[in-house]
Amino acid sequence: MKIHSRFAACYVSLMTMNISDPRAEAPETFDALRQRIRDRFPGLSPHLQRIARASLDEPNSFALNTTPVIAEALGIQPSTLIRFAKEFGYSGFSDLQRVFRQRLIEGAATVRDEVMFRSETASPQDIRTILEETARAHAAALTRLTETCDIAALARAVEMLRSARHVYVAGLRRSRPIADYLLYGLMRGERACSLLDFAGGMAGPQTSTIGHDDVLAAIAFPPYSKPVVDAVMDAHVSGRRILAITDTAESPLARCAQVALFVDSDAASRLQPISGAVALVHALLTAVTTT
């Protein structure tokens, strides 16, 4: 294994940093802070909402980067990050940042997965380890799905797809195979459906043809694909029905959807498992096409 020097340095710094201040003795957990951000999200200003989304989508970035680097990436002033921290009761951004750093320290194995890069010529034993770790990651994703899935929302999604005259499906990057599977299942069930043609540049015209009896099923996880978000926004403005499969209620897809189904997204993983989303779509298709 090779360790990327920049991330390795950050990791060592995290593991050895001095957290002797009063807040560090009984720090707020990341889960508690995340819930507070979700609860207060609708009342935040647009700039603070941008920071809130980024903090939940890329918590590792908030832990490992400096204030100027984070501000530049978000297109805001560093002072806005300070204002965000004070909005949640912290004296400054560095004080808030300790929560994100503590998350990495407590999840040391996850940090190692983030900062270590395997040799291109892995031995057979290394390959077996990779396979076992991957299988565990997918099993964990499926377990989280069964524990967190909103069954009432899933039932509403089933009724929405059943009643649709035509289902338009949108998904790019790692969401594309999930979108393809949804399209495949709908076609096998002889349901009228089509995939938005982003590659051919026809997604916009397709979106404009979505009728009131149709449904746009959009799938996206952080970092949300802009073409998919744009299609969802256009459909939302036109008053069309939208089913979103995404990660949180703060997702730009969820905020425009009549029904949103959530699949936990592990932002610490470089290649995130899609097994949870595929299982969710499988359940959705089974209910829609067999009953």
C-alpha atoms as a PDB file:
ATOM      1  CA  MET A   1       0.000   0.000   0.000  1.00  0.00           C
ATOM      2  CA  LYS A   2       1.098   3.554  -0.701  1.00  0.00           C
ATOM      3  CA  ILE A   3       0.004   6.530   1.343  1.00  0.00           C
ATOM      4  CA  HIS A   4      -0.656   9.808  -0.432  1.00  0.00           C
ATOM      5  CA  SER A   5       1.586  12.282   1.375  1.00  0.00           C
ATOM      6  CA  ARG A   6      -0.912  15.108   1.720  1.00  0.00           C
ATOM      7  CA  PHE A   7      -3.701  12.992   3.192  1.00  0.00           C
ATOM      8  CA  ALA A   8      -1.270  10.985   5.277  1.00  0.00           C
ATOM      9  CA  ALA A   9       0.003  14.188   6.867  1.00  0.00           C
ATOM     10  CA  CYS A  10      -3.564  15.256   7.604  1.00  0.00           C
ATOM     11  CA  TYR A  11      -4.313  11.852   9.106  1.00  0.00           C
ATOM     12  CA  VAL A  12      -1.284  11.954  11.382  1.00  0.00           C
ATOM     13  CA  SER A  13      -2.208  15.480  12.405  1.00  0.00           C
ATOM     14  CA  LEU A  14      -5.730  14.370  13.270  1.00  0.00           C
ATOM     15  CA  MET A  15      -4.545  11.430  15.321  1.00  0.00           C
ATOM     16  CA  THR A  16      -2.074  13.509  17.326  1.00  0.00           C
ATOM     17  CA  MET A  17      -3.841  16.859  17.619  1.00  0.00           C
ATOM     18  CA  ASN A  18      -4.314  18.471  21.014  1.00  0.00           C
ATOM     19  CA  ILE A  19      -7.999  18.768  21.918  1.00  0.00           C
ATOM     20  CA  SER A  20      -7.628  19.931  25.501  1.00  0.00           C
ATOM     21  CA  ASP A  21     -10.031  22.883  25.311  1.00  0.00           C
ATOM     22  CA  PRO A  22     -13.287  22.724  27.372  1.00  0.00           C
ATOM     23  CA  ARG A  23     -15.514  21.893  24.382  1.00  0.00           C
ATOM     24  CA  ALA A  24     -13.230  18.997  23.401  1.00  0.00           C
ATOM     25  CA  GLU A  25     -13.754  17.382  26.831  1.00  0.00           C
ATOM     26  CA  ALA A  26     -17.424  16.836  25.966  1.00  0.00           C
ATOM     27  CA  PRO A  27     -17.714  17.649  22.277  1.00  0.00           C
ATOM     28  CA  GLU A  28     -20.902  17.594  20.290  1.00  0.00           C
ATOM     29  CA  THR A  29     -20.972  14.477  18.147  1.00  0.00           C
ATOM     30  CA  PHE A  30     -21.068  14.712  14.389  1.00  0.00           C
ATOM     31  CA  ASP A  31     -24.419  12.893  14.326  1.00  0.00           C
ATOM     32  CA  ALA A  32     -25.903  15.449  16.719  1.00  0.00           C
ATOM     33  CA  LEU A  33     -24.529  18.356  14.703  1.00  0.00           C
ATOM     34  CA  ARG A  34     -25.768  16.796  11.452  1.00  0.00           C
ATOM     35  CA  GLN A  35     -29.275  16.514  12.884  1.00  0.00           C
ATOM     36  CA  ARG A  36     -29.213  20.146  14.031  1.00  0.00           C
ATOM     37  CA  ILE A  37     -28.112  21.251  10.561  1.00  0.00           C
ATOM     38  CA  ARG A  38     -30.931  19.238   8.964  1.00  0.00           C
ATOM     39  CA  ASP A  39     -33.516  20.629  11.394  1.00  0.00           C
ATOM     40  CA  ARG A  40     -32.496  24.249  10.832  1.00  0.00           C
ATOM     41  CA  PHE A  41     -31.705  24.014   7.121  1.00  0.00           C
ATOM     42  CA  PRO A  42     -34.966  25.567   5.799  1.00  0.00           C
ATOM     43  CA  GLY A  43     -34.413  28.733   7.881  1.00  0.00           C
ATOM     44  CA  LEU A  44     -30.817  29.373   6.827  1.00  0.00           C
ATOM     45  CA  SER A  45     -29.814  32.007   4.295  1.00  0.00           C
ATOM     46  CA  PRO A  46     -28.820  30.768   0.792  1.00  0.00           C
ATOM     47  CA  HIS A  47     -25.089  31.147   1.564  1.00  0.00           C
ATOM     48  CA  LEU A  48     -25.434  29.252   4.836  1.00  0.00           C
ATOM     49  CA  GLN A  49     -27.517  26.566   3.113  1.00  0.00           C
ATOM     50  CA  ARG A  50     -24.672  26.109   0.634  1.00  0.00           C
ATOM     51  CA  ILE A  51     -22.269  25.525   3.526  1.00  0.00           C
ATOM     52  CA  ALA A  52     -24.755  23.207   5.240  1.00  0.00           C
ATOM     53  CA  ARG A  53     -25.087  21.017   2.150  1.00  0.00           C
ATOM     54  CA  ALA A  54     -21.322  20.829   1.700  1.00  0.00           C
ATOM     55  CA  SER A  55     -20.759  19.989   5.363  1.00  0.00           C
ATOM     56  CA  LEU A  56     -23.109  16.999   5.107  1.00  0.00           C
ATOM     57  CA  ASP A  57     -21.989  15.913   1.631  1.00  0.00           C
ATOM     58  CA  GLU A  58     -18.224  16.193   2.218  1.00  0.00           C
ATOM     59  CA  PRO A  59     -17.500  16.062   5.961  1.00  0.00           C
ATOM     60  CA  ASN A  60     -13.949  14.844   5.329  1.00  0.00           C
ATOM     61  CA  SER A  61     -13.214  18.003   3.353  1.00  0.00           C
ATOM     62  CA  PHE A  62     -14.433  20.093   6.292  1.00  0.00           C
ATOM     63  CA  ALA A  63     -12.142  18.156   8.617  1.00  0.00           C
ATOM     64  CA  LEU A  64      -8.983  18.147   6.484  1.00  0.00           C
ATOM     65  CA  ASN A  65      -8.956  21.508   4.691  1.00  0.00           C
ATOM     66  CA  THR A  66      -8.265  25.034   5.884  1.00  0.00           C
ATOM     67  CA  THR A  67     -10.891  27.754   6.076  1.00  0.00           C
ATOM     68  CA  PRO A  68      -9.620  29.591   2.930  1.00  0.00           C
ATOM     69  CA  VAL A  69      -9.572  26.348   0.907  1.00  0.00           C
ATOM     70  CA  ILE A  70     -13.128  25.428   1.918  1.00  0.00           C
ATOM     71  CA  ALA A  71     -14.365  28.969   1.279  1.00  0.00           C
ATOM     72  CA  GLU A  72     -12.781  29.056  -2.171  1.00  0.00           C
ATOM     73  CA  ALA A  73     -14.313  25.699  -3.098  1.00  0.00           C
ATOM     74  CA  LEU A  74     -17.769  26.949  -2.084  1.00  0.00           C
ATOM     75  CA  GLY A  75     -17.375  30.353  -3.714  1.00  0.00           C
ATOM     76  CA  ILE A  76     -17.890  32.268  -0.478  1.00  0.00           C
ATOM     77  CA  GLN A  77     -15.894  34.486   1.866  1.00  0.00           C
ATOM     78  CA  PRO A  78     -14.090  32.848   4.830  1.00  0.00           C
ATOM     79  CA  SER A  79     -16.125  35.103   7.115  1.00  0.00           C
ATOM     80  CA  THR A  80     -19.272  33.291   5.952  1.00  0.00           C
ATOM     81  CA  LEU A  81     -17.870  30.041   7.370  1.00  0.00           C
ATOM     82  CA  ILE A  82     -17.355  31.810  10.684  1.00  0.00           C
ATOM     83  CA  ARG A  83     -20.935  33.087  10.549  1.00  0.00           C
ATOM     84  CA  PHE A  84     -22.130  29.540   9.868  1.00  0.00           C
ATOM     85  CA  ALA A  85     -20.234  28.233  12.903  1.00  0.00           C
ATOM     86  CA  LYS A  86     -21.688  30.960  15.149  1.00  0.00           C
ATOM     87  CA  GLU A  87     -25.157  30.172  13.826  1.00  0.00           C
ATOM     88  CA  PHE A  88     -24.778  26.773  15.503  1.00  0.00           C
ATOM     89  CA  GLY A  89     -23.337  28.085  18.757  1.00  0.00           C
ATOM     90  CA  TYR A  90     -19.600  27.812  18.081  1.00  0.00           C
ATOM     91  CA  SER A  91     -17.128  30.619  18.707  1.00  0.00           C
ATOM     92  CA  GLY A  92     -15.520  30.245  15.273  1.00  0.00           C
ATOM     93  CA  PHE A  93     -15.055  27.864  12.385  1.00  0.00           C
ATOM     94  CA  SER A  94     -12.023  26.126  13.897  1.00  0.00           C
ATOM     95  CA  ASP A  95     -14.169  25.302  16.923  1.00  0.00           C
ATOM     96  CA  LEU A  96     -16.839  23.778  14.683  1.00  0.00           C
ATOM     97  CA  GLN A  97     -14.184  21.970  12.632  1.00  0.00           C
ATOM     98  CA  ARG A  98     -13.191  19.929  15.670  1.00  0.00           C
ATOM     99  CA  VAL A  99     -16.500  18.049  15.395  1.00  0.00           C
ATOM    100  CA  PHE A 100     -15.638  16.970  11.848  1.00  0.00           C
ATOM    101  CA  ARG A 101     -12.095  16.022  12.895  1.00  0.00           C
ATOM    102  CA  GLN A 102     -13.356  14.027  15.840  1.00  0.00           C
ATOM    103  CA  ARG A 103     -15.576  12.079  13.444  1.00  0.00           C
ATOM    104  CA  LEU A 104     -12.462  11.007  11.542  1.00  0.00           C
ATOM    105  CA  ILE A 105     -10.567  10.057  14.684  1.00  0.00           C
ATOM    106  CA  GLU A 106     -13.439   7.888  15.906  1.00  0.00           C
ATOM    107  CA  GLY A 107     -13.705   6.276  12.496  1.00  0.00           C
ATOM    108  CA  ALA A 108      -9.972   5.643  12.057  1.00  0.00           C
ATOM    109  CA  ALA A 109     -10.506   2.647   9.766  1.00  0.00           C
ATOM    110  CA  THR A 110     -12.559   4.831   7.429  1.00  0.00           C
ATOM    111  CA  VAL A 111      -9.799   7.418   7.397  1.00  0.00           C
ATOM    112  CA  ARG A 112      -7.279   4.786   6.422  1.00  0.00           C
ATOM    113  CA  ASP A 113      -9.538   3.769   3.539  1.00  0.00           C
ATOM    114  CA  GLU A 114      -9.592   7.399   2.422  1.00  0.00           C
ATOM    115  CA  VAL A 115      -5.865   8.144   2.591  1.00  0.00           C
ATOM    116  CA  MET A 116      -4.320   4.859   1.521  1.00  0.00           C
ATOM    117  CA  PHE A 117      -3.924   3.867  -2.112  1.00  0.00           C
ATOM    118  CA  ARG A 118      -3.216   0.271  -3.009  1.00  0.00           C
ATOM    119  CA  SER A 119      -0.360  -0.820  -5.255  1.00  0.00           C
ATOM    120  CA  GLU A 120      -1.306  -1.426  -8.885  1.00  0.00           C
ATOM    121  CA  THR A 121       0.323  -4.864  -8.638  1.00  0.00           C
ATOM    122  CA  ALA A 122      -1.616  -6.288  -5.719  1.00  0.00           C
ATOM    123  CA  SER A 123      -0.729  -9.784  -4.581  1.00  0.00           C
ATOM    124  CA  PRO A 124      -3.406 -12.531  -4.585  1.00  0.00           C
ATOM    125  CA  GLN A 125      -3.786 -12.105  -0.826  1.00  0.00           C
ATOM    126  CA  ASP A 126      -4.329  -8.365  -1.269  1.00  0.00           C
ATOM    127  CA  ILE A 127      -6.996  -9.083  -3.888  1.00  0.00           C
ATOM    128  CA  ARG A 128      -8.795 -11.443  -1.503  1.00  0.00           C
ATOM    129  CA  THR A 129      -8.729  -8.721   1.154  1.00  0.00           C
ATOM    130  CA  ILE A 130     -10.145  -6.232  -1.333  1.00  0.00           C
ATOM    131  CA  LEU A 131     -12.949  -8.650  -2.210  1.00  0.00           C
ATOM    132  CA  GLU A 132     -13.795  -9.303   1.439  1.00  0.00           C
ATOM    133  CA  GLU A 133     -13.787  -5.590   2.303  1.00  0.00           C
ATOM    134  CA  THR A 134     -15.980  -4.826  -0.698  1.00  0.00           C
ATOM    135  CA  ALA A 135     -18.463  -7.552   0.213  1.00  0.00           C
ATOM    136  CA  ARG A 136     -18.672  -6.195   3.769  1.00  0.00           C
ATOM    137  CA  ALA A 137     -19.282  -2.665   2.461  1.00  0.00           C
ATOM    138  CA  HIS A 138     -22.151  -3.860   0.270  1.00  0.00           C
ATOM    139  CA  ALA A 139     -23.627  -5.964   3.078  1.00  0.00           C
ATOM    140  CA  ALA A 140     -23.494  -2.930   5.379  1.00  0.00           C
ATOM    141  CA  ALA A 141     -25.239  -0.794   2.734  1.00  0.00           C
ATOM    142  CA  LEU A 142     -28.065  -3.339   2.483  1.00  0.00           C
ATOM    143  CA  THR A 143     -28.400  -3.498   6.262  1.00  0.00           C
ATOM    144  CA  ARG A 144     -28.636   0.301   6.495  1.00  0.00           C
ATOM    145  CA  LEU A 145     -31.344   0.276   3.822  1.00  0.00           C
ATOM    146  CA  THR A 146     -33.548  -2.160   5.742  1.00  0.00           C
ATOM    147  CA  GLU A 147     -33.037  -0.177   8.945  1.00  0.00           C
ATOM    148  CA  THR A 148     -33.662   3.302   7.552  1.00  0.00           C
ATOM    149  CA  CYS A 149     -36.056   2.930   4.594  1.00  0.00           C
ATOM    150  CA  ASP A 150     -39.289   4.919   4.982  1.00  0.00           C
ATOM    151  CA  ILE A 151     -41.857   2.242   4.111  1.00  0.00           C
ATOM    152  CA  ALA A 152     -44.698   4.758   3.859  1.00  0.00           C
ATOM    153  CA  ALA A 153     -42.693   6.794   1.326  1.00  0.00           C
ATOM    154  CA  LEU A 154     -41.867   3.596  -0.565  1.00  0.00           C
ATOM    155  CA  ALA A 155     -45.576   2.778  -0.770  1.00  0.00           C
ATOM    156  CA  ARG A 156     -46.316   6.264  -2.123  1.00  0.00           C
ATOM    157  CA  ALA A 157     -43.568   5.830  -4.718  1.00  0.00           C
ATOM    158  CA  VAL A 158     -45.135   2.549  -5.835  1.00  0.00           C
ATOM    159  CA  GLU A 159     -48.528   4.224  -6.306  1.00  0.00           C
ATOM    160  CA  MET A 160     -46.922   7.125  -8.169  1.00  0.00           C
ATOM    161  CA  LEU A 161     -45.246   4.805 -10.670  1.00  0.00           C
ATOM    162  CA  ARG A 162     -48.336   2.637 -11.047  1.00  0.00           C
ATOM    163  CA  SER A 163     -50.457   5.652 -11.942  1.00  0.00           C
ATOM    164  CA  ALA A 164     -47.928   7.201 -14.345  1.00  0.00           C
ATOM    165  CA  ARG A 165     -48.796   7.328 -18.039  1.00  0.00           C
ATOM    166  CA  HIS A 166     -45.059   7.485 -18.804  1.00  0.00           C
ATOM    167  CA  VAL A 167     -42.005   7.347 -16.528  1.00  0.00           C
ATOM    168  CA  TYR A 168     -38.962   9.414 -17.453  1.00  0.00           C
ATOM    169  CA  VAL A 169     -35.768   8.257 -15.726  1.00  0.00           C
ATOM    170  CA  ALA A 170     -32.729  10.454 -15.018  1.00  0.00           C
ATOM    171  CA  GLY A 171     -29.356   9.407 -13.616  1.00  0.00           C
ATOM    172  CA  LEU A 172     -25.686  10.050 -14.362  1.00  0.00           C
ATOM    173  CA  ARG A 173     -22.257   8.925 -13.086  1.00  0.00           C
ATOM    174  CA  ARG A 174     -22.636   6.302 -10.359  1.00  0.00           C
ATOM    175  CA  SER A 175     -26.420   6.773 -10.499  1.00  0.00           C
ATOM    176  CA  ARG A 176     -26.518   5.780 -14.171  1.00  0.00           C
ATOM    177  CA  PRO A 177     -26.497   1.981 -13.589  1.00  0.00           C
ATOM    178  CA  ILE A 178     -29.249   2.456 -10.992  1.00  0.00           C
ATOM    179  CA  ALA A 179     -31.287   4.453 -13.526  1.00  0.00           C
ATOM    180  CA  ASP A 180     -30.643   1.794 -16.182  1.00  0.00           C
ATOM    181  CA  TYR A 181     -31.876  -0.916 -13.829  1.00  0.00           C
ATOM    182  CA  LEU A 182     -35.046   1.051 -13.069  1.00  0.00           C
ATOM    183  CA  LEU A 183     -35.651   1.520 -16.795  1.00  0.00           C
ATOM    184  CA  TYR A 184     -34.978  -2.180 -17.468  1.00  0.00           C
ATOM    185  CA  GLY A 185     -37.451  -3.274 -14.806  1.00  0.00           C
ATOM    186  CA  LEU A 186     -40.165  -0.914 -16.016  1.00  0.00           C
ATOM    187  CA  MET A 187     -39.719  -2.132 -19.583  1.00  0.00           C
ATOM    188  CA  ARG A 188     -39.867  -5.772 -18.442  1.00  0.00           C
ATOM    189  CA  GLY A 189     -43.132  -4.875 -16.733  1.00  0.00           C
ATOM    190  CA  GLU A 190     -44.373  -3.336 -20.008  1.00  0.00           C
ATOM    191  CA  ARG A 191     -44.584   0.146 -18.512  1.00  0.00           C
ATOM    192  CA  ALA A 192     -44.137   3.153 -20.788  1.00  0.00           C
ATOM    193  CA  CYS A 193     -40.771   4.656 -19.920  1.00  0.00           C
ATOM    194  CA  SER A 194     -37.667   6.334 -21.332  1.00  0.00           C
ATOM    195  CA  LEU A 195     -34.255   7.509 -20.177  1.00  0.00           C
ATOM    196  CA  LEU A 196     -33.451  11.219 -20.381  1.00  0.00           C
ATOM    197  CA  ASP A 197     -30.891  11.631 -23.171  1.00  0.00           C
ATOM    198  CA  PHE A 198     -28.143  13.711 -21.555  1.00  0.00           C
ATOM    199  CA  ALA A 199     -25.431  12.400 -23.896  1.00  0.00           C
ATOM    200  CA  GLY A 200     -27.366  13.430 -26.992  1.00  0.00           C
ATOM    201  CA  GLY A 201     -28.294  16.830 -25.585  1.00  0.00           C
ATOM    202  CA  MET A 202     -32.020  16.070 -25.708  1.00  0.00           C
ATOM    203  CA  ALA A 203     -32.754  15.895 -21.973  1.00  0.00           C
ATOM    204  CA  GLY A 204     -34.071  19.479 -21.955  1.00  0.00           C
ATOM    205  CA  PRO A 205     -36.580  18.947 -24.785  1.00  0.00           C
ATOM    206  CA  GLN A 206     -37.595  15.622 -23.227  1.00  0.00           C
ATOM    207  CA  THR A 207     -38.231  17.287 -19.876  1.00  0.00           C
ATOM    208  CA  SER A 208     -40.459  19.864 -21.530  1.00  0.00           C
ATOM    209  CA  THR A 209     -42.673  17.042 -22.876  1.00  0.00           C
ATOM    210  CA  ILE A 210     -43.342  15.526 -19.437  1.00  0.00           C
ATOM    211  CA  GLY A 211     -47.091  15.658 -18.878  1.00  0.00           C
ATOM    212  CA  HIS A 212     -49.159  16.034 -15.724  1.00  0.00           C
ATOM    213  CA  ASP A 213     -49.893  12.299 -15.764  1.00  0.00           C
ATOM    214  CA  ASP A 214     -46.211  11.397 -16.147  1.00  0.00           C
ATOM    215  CA  VAL A 215     -43.475  10.974 -13.540  1.00  0.00           C
ATOM    216  CA  LEU A 216     -39.823  11.983 -13.571  1.00  0.00           C
ATOM    217  CA  ALA A 217     -37.815   9.453 -11.529  1.00  0.00           C
ATOM    218  CA  ALA A 218     -34.508  11.153 -10.783  1.00  0.00           C
ATOM    219  CA  ILE A 219     -31.520   9.531  -9.071  1.00  0.00           C
ATOM    220  CA  ALA A 220     -28.484  11.431  -7.754  1.00  0.00           C
ATOM    221  CA  PHE A 221     -26.056  11.326  -4.855  1.00  0.00           C
ATOM    222  CA  PRO A 222     -23.282  13.725  -3.826  1.00  0.00           C
ATOM    223  CA  PRO A 223     -21.785  15.345  -5.757  1.00  0.00           C
ATOM    224  CA  TYR A 224     -25.141  15.798  -7.471  1.00  0.00           C
ATOM    225  CA  SER A 225     -24.907  15.762 -11.273  1.00  0.00           C
ATOM    226  CA  LYS A 226     -25.866  19.228 -12.476  1.00  0.00           C
ATOM    227  CA  PRO A 227     -27.735  18.014 -15.597  1.00  0.00           C
ATOM    228  CA  VAL A 228     -29.950  15.809 -13.410  1.00  0.00           C
ATOM    229  CA  VAL A 229     -30.535  18.629 -10.916  1.00  0.00           C
ATOM    230  CA  ASP A 230     -31.417  20.991 -13.791  1.00  0.00           C
ATOM    231  CA  ALA A 231     -33.925  18.495 -15.192  1.00  0.00           C
ATOM    232  CA  VAL A 232     -35.532  18.130 -11.776  1.00  0.00           C
ATOM    233  CA  MET A 233     -35.705  21.895 -11.314  1.00  0.00           C
ATOM    234  CA  ASP A 234     -37.310  22.353 -14.752  1.00  0.00           C
ATOM    235  CA  ALA A 235     -39.889  19.655 -14.041  1.00  0.00           C
ATOM    236  CA  HIS A 236     -40.585  21.143 -10.611  1.00  0.00           C
ATOM    237  CA  VAL A 237     -41.145  24.634 -12.010  1.00  0.00           C
ATOM    238  CA  SER A 238     -43.566  23.129 -14.538  1.00  0.00           C
ATOM    239  CA  GLY A 239     -45.516  21.443 -11.760  1.00  0.00           C
ATOM    240  CA  ARG A 240     -44.677  17.900 -12.838  1.00  0.00           C
ATOM    241  CA  ARG A 241     -44.568  14.885 -10.533  1.00  0.00           C
ATOM    242  CA  ILE A 242     -41.090  13.915  -9.352  1.00  0.00           C
ATOM    243  CA  LEU A 243     -39.858  10.794  -7.574  1.00  0.00           C
ATOM    244  CA  ALA A 244     -36.357  11.262  -6.145  1.00  0.00           C
ATOM    245  CA  ILE A 245     -33.912   8.581  -5.048  1.00  0.00           C
ATOM    246  CA  THR A 246     -31.153  10.387  -3.219  1.00  0.00           C
ATOM    247  CA  ASP A 247     -29.283  10.634   0.084  1.00  0.00           C
ATOM    248  CA  THR A 248     -30.939  13.208   2.370  1.00  0.00           C
ATOM    249  CA  ALA A 249     -33.855  15.613   2.651  1.00  0.00           C
ATOM    250  CA  GLU A 250     -31.388  18.454   1.943  1.00  0.00           C
ATOM    251  CA  SER A 251     -30.640  17.032  -1.509  1.00  0.00           C
ATOM    252  CA  PRO A 252     -31.687  19.376  -4.348  1.00  0.00           C
ATOM    253  CA  LEU A 253     -33.706  16.462  -5.738  1.00  0.00           C
ATOM    254  CA  ALA A 254     -35.598  15.811  -2.511  1.00  0.00           C
ATOM    255  CA  ARG A 255     -36.547  19.458  -2.084  1.00  0.00           C
ATOM    256  CA  CYS A 256     -38.357  19.395  -5.457  1.00  0.00           C
ATOM    257  CA  ALA A 257     -39.924  15.937  -5.239  1.00  0.00           C
ATOM    258  CA  GLN A 258     -43.412  14.868  -4.269  1.00  0.00           C
ATOM    259  CA  VAL A 259     -41.907  11.619  -2.970  1.00  0.00           C
ATOM    260  CA  ALA A 260     -38.276  11.074  -1.965  1.00  0.00           C
ATOM    261  CA  LEU A 261     -36.602   7.790  -1.083  1.00  0.00           C
ATOM    262  CA  PHE A 262     -33.331   8.016   0.804  1.00  0.00           C
ATOM    263  CA  VAL A 263     -30.305   5.745   0.605  1.00  0.00           C
ATOM    264  CA  ASP A 264     -27.444   6.466   2.978  1.00  0.00           C
ATOM    265  CA  SER A 265     -24.375   7.827   1.170  1.00  0.00           C
ATOM    266  CA  ASP A 266     -20.997   7.157   2.790  1.00  0.00           C
ATOM    267  CA  ALA A 267     -19.039  10.246   1.711  1.00  0.00           C
ATOM    268  CA  ALA A 268     -15.791   8.776   3.113  1.00  0.00           C
ATOM    269  CA  SER A 269     -15.614   6.044   0.485  1.00  0.00           C
ATOM    270  CA  ARG A 270     -13.861   6.731  -2.817  1.00  0.00           C
ATOM    271  CA  LEU A 271     -15.989   4.149  -4.640  1.00  0.00           C
ATOM    272  CA  GLN A 272     -19.340   4.027  -2.915  1.00  0.00           C
ATOM    273  CA  PRO A 273     -21.494   0.867  -3.024  1.00  0.00           C
ATOM    274  CA  ILE A 274     -24.677   1.138  -5.088  1.00  0.00           C
ATOM    275  CA  SER A 275     -26.123  -2.086  -3.717  1.00  0.00           C
ATOM    276  CA  GLY A 276     -28.472  -0.261  -1.339  1.00  0.00           C
ATOM    277  CA  ALA A 277     -29.950   1.852  -4.136  1.00  0.00           C
ATOM    278  CA  VAL A 278     -30.217  -1.151  -6.461  1.00  0.00           C
ATOM    279  CA  ALA A 279     -32.040  -3.150  -3.765  1.00  0.00           C
ATOM    280  CA  LEU A 280     -34.407  -0.235  -3.200  1.00  0.00           C
ATOM    281  CA  VAL A 281     -35.157  -0.017  -6.934  1.00  0.00           C
ATOM    282  CA  HIS A 282     -35.608  -3.810  -7.070  1.00  0.00           C
ATOM    283  CA  ALA A 283     -38.226  -3.635  -4.300  1.00  0.00           C
ATOM    284  CA  LEU A 284     -39.917  -0.714  -6.036  1.00  0.00           C
ATOM    285  CA  LEU A 285     -40.060  -2.564  -9.354  1.00  0.00           C
ATOM    286  CA  THR A 286     -41.317  -5.773  -7.785  1.00  0.00           C
ATOM    287  CA  ALA A 287     -44.203  -3.927  -6.154  1.00  0.00           C
ATOM    288  CA  VAL A 288     -45.040  -1.913  -9.268  1.00  0.00           C
ATOM    289  CA  THR A 289     -44.890  -4.700 -11.848  1.00  0.00           C
ATOM    290  CA  THR A 290     -46.246  -7.732 -10.009  1.00  0.00           C
ATOM    291  CA  THR A 291     -49.276  -6.395  -8.137  1.00  0.00           C
END
